[in-house]
Every structure is written in structure tokens, then in C-alpha cells.
Amino acid sequence: MAYSTLDQIKKGEVVRIEQIQSEDLATQLQHLGCVPGVSIKLERKAPLGDPLIFRLDQSFISVRLNDAKNIQVQLNPKAAK
């Protein structure tokens, strides 16, 4: 299955985080429970497309578009059905 970056997914799509390119960003997201292997869903985009709002379990997190470009993801086939 092909990889993509978090900024390229569509609203409602569920993906699995594979890799976070920036160490600083990885540390920040780790505190929110957003680590490689976790599935997240794009819930909505802000009116101008930035930031992106994701559902992570029962929480919502906001990710800037520039940061989303540094997060490699894979479509999560189990959650996408």
C-alpha cells in the first residue's frame, strides 16, 4: 500500500501514522498520544485549510498544515470499511 502525508488525505479518511519526520514535532505529538501505529481520522479543515482537525480515539487534535506535511501515513484498511 502506498504512503502519503497527512496533509494529502480527505475529510473522513482514516489513516495510520507511519513516521513523523521532525523530531521536535514527534515529541509534541507524542504528548497527545499521536505516535506511529495510531489511527486517526480527518474530521474537518479550518475555513482557509489550516489547521486540520483530527479525531484520535475520543479526542480531537489540531495540526498545522506545514506540520502535516512531515507526517507520513498509510490508509488504514480495517478502520476505513
Protein backbone atom coordinates (compact mmCIF):
# COMPACT_ATOMS: atom_id res chain seq x y z
CA MET A 1 0.00 0.00 0.00
CA ALA A 2 1.29 3.46 -0.86
CA TYR A 3 2.30 6.02 1.69
CA SER A 4 1.11 9.61 1.74
CA THR A 5 1.49 12.57 4.04
CA LEU A 6 -1.13 13.75 6.47
CA ASP A 7 -1.82 16.97 4.54
CA GLN A 8 -3.00 14.98 1.48
CA ILE A 9 -5.82 12.95 3.00
CA LYS A 10 -9.51 13.73 2.51
CA LYS A 11 -12.15 14.58 5.09
CA GLY A 12 -13.48 11.43 6.75
CA GLU A 13 -10.49 9.34 5.76
CA VAL A 14 -8.87 7.14 8.41
CA VAL A 15 -5.11 6.66 8.25
CA ARG A 16 -2.40 5.07 10.33
CA ILE A 17 0.61 7.18 11.28
CA GLU A 18 3.78 5.54 9.98
CA GLN A 19 6.54 8.09 10.58
CA ILE A 20 7.00 11.65 11.82
CA GLN A 21 9.90 13.34 10.01
CA SER A 22 10.65 16.06 12.57
CA GLU A 23 11.95 15.01 15.99
CA ASP A 24 10.52 18.13 17.65
CA LEU A 25 7.12 17.53 16.09
CA ALA A 26 7.24 13.85 17.08
CA THR A 27 7.87 14.85 20.70
CA GLN A 28 4.96 17.31 20.71
CA LEU A 29 2.57 14.80 19.15
CA GLN A 30 3.72 12.04 21.49
CA HIS A 31 2.39 14.05 24.43
CA LEU A 32 -1.02 13.99 22.74
CA GLY A 33 -0.90 10.22 22.14
CA CYS A 34 -0.24 10.65 18.44
CA VAL A 35 2.58 8.18 17.71
CA PRO A 36 3.45 5.81 14.84
CA GLY A 37 0.97 2.95 14.64
CA VAL A 38 -2.00 5.02 15.84
CA SER A 39 -5.05 5.52 13.60
CA ILE A 40 -6.53 8.98 13.18
CA LYS A 41 -9.40 10.42 11.16
CA LEU A 42 -9.55 13.79 9.43
CA GLU A 43 -12.71 15.38 10.84
CA ARG A 44 -12.51 18.83 9.26
CA LYS A 45 -10.33 21.58 7.91
CA ALA A 46 -10.40 25.19 9.06
CA PRO A 47 -12.09 27.56 6.58
CA LEU A 48 -8.77 28.50 4.96
CA GLY A 49 -7.49 24.91 5.07
CA ASP A 50 -5.18 25.37 8.04
CA PRO A 51 -5.17 23.87 10.66
CA LEU A 52 -6.51 20.35 10.16
CA ILE A 53 -8.68 18.78 12.88
CA PHE A 54 -8.25 15.06 13.57
CA ARG A 55 -10.03 12.58 15.82
CA LEU A 56 -7.69 10.47 17.91
CA ASP A 57 -9.75 7.99 19.93
CA GLN A 58 -12.20 10.21 21.85
CA SER A 59 -10.14 13.40 21.48
CA PHE A 60 -9.61 15.98 18.78
CA ILE A 61 -6.21 17.37 17.87
CA SER A 62 -5.31 20.26 15.63
CA VAL A 63 -2.30 20.01 13.31
CA ARG A 64 -0.88 22.85 11.24
CA LEU A 65 -0.73 22.20 7.52
CA ASN A 66 3.07 22.64 7.46
CA ASP A 67 3.43 20.06 10.25
CA ALA A 68 1.04 17.65 8.49
CA LYS A 69 3.43 17.58 5.52
CA ASN A 70 6.04 15.98 7.82
CA ILE A 71 3.82 13.10 8.96
CA GLN A 72 3.89 10.01 6.77
CA VAL A 73 0.68 7.95 6.85
CA GLN A 74 -0.86 4.84 5.35
CA LEU A 75 -4.53 4.20 4.65
CA ASN A 76 -5.86 2.04 7.47
CA PRO A 77 -7.87 -0.70 5.72
CA LYS A 78 -9.55 -2.02 8.89
CA ALA A 79 -10.87 1.37 10.01
CA ALA A 80 -11.76 2.60 6.50
CA LYS A 81 -14.50 -0.03 5.97
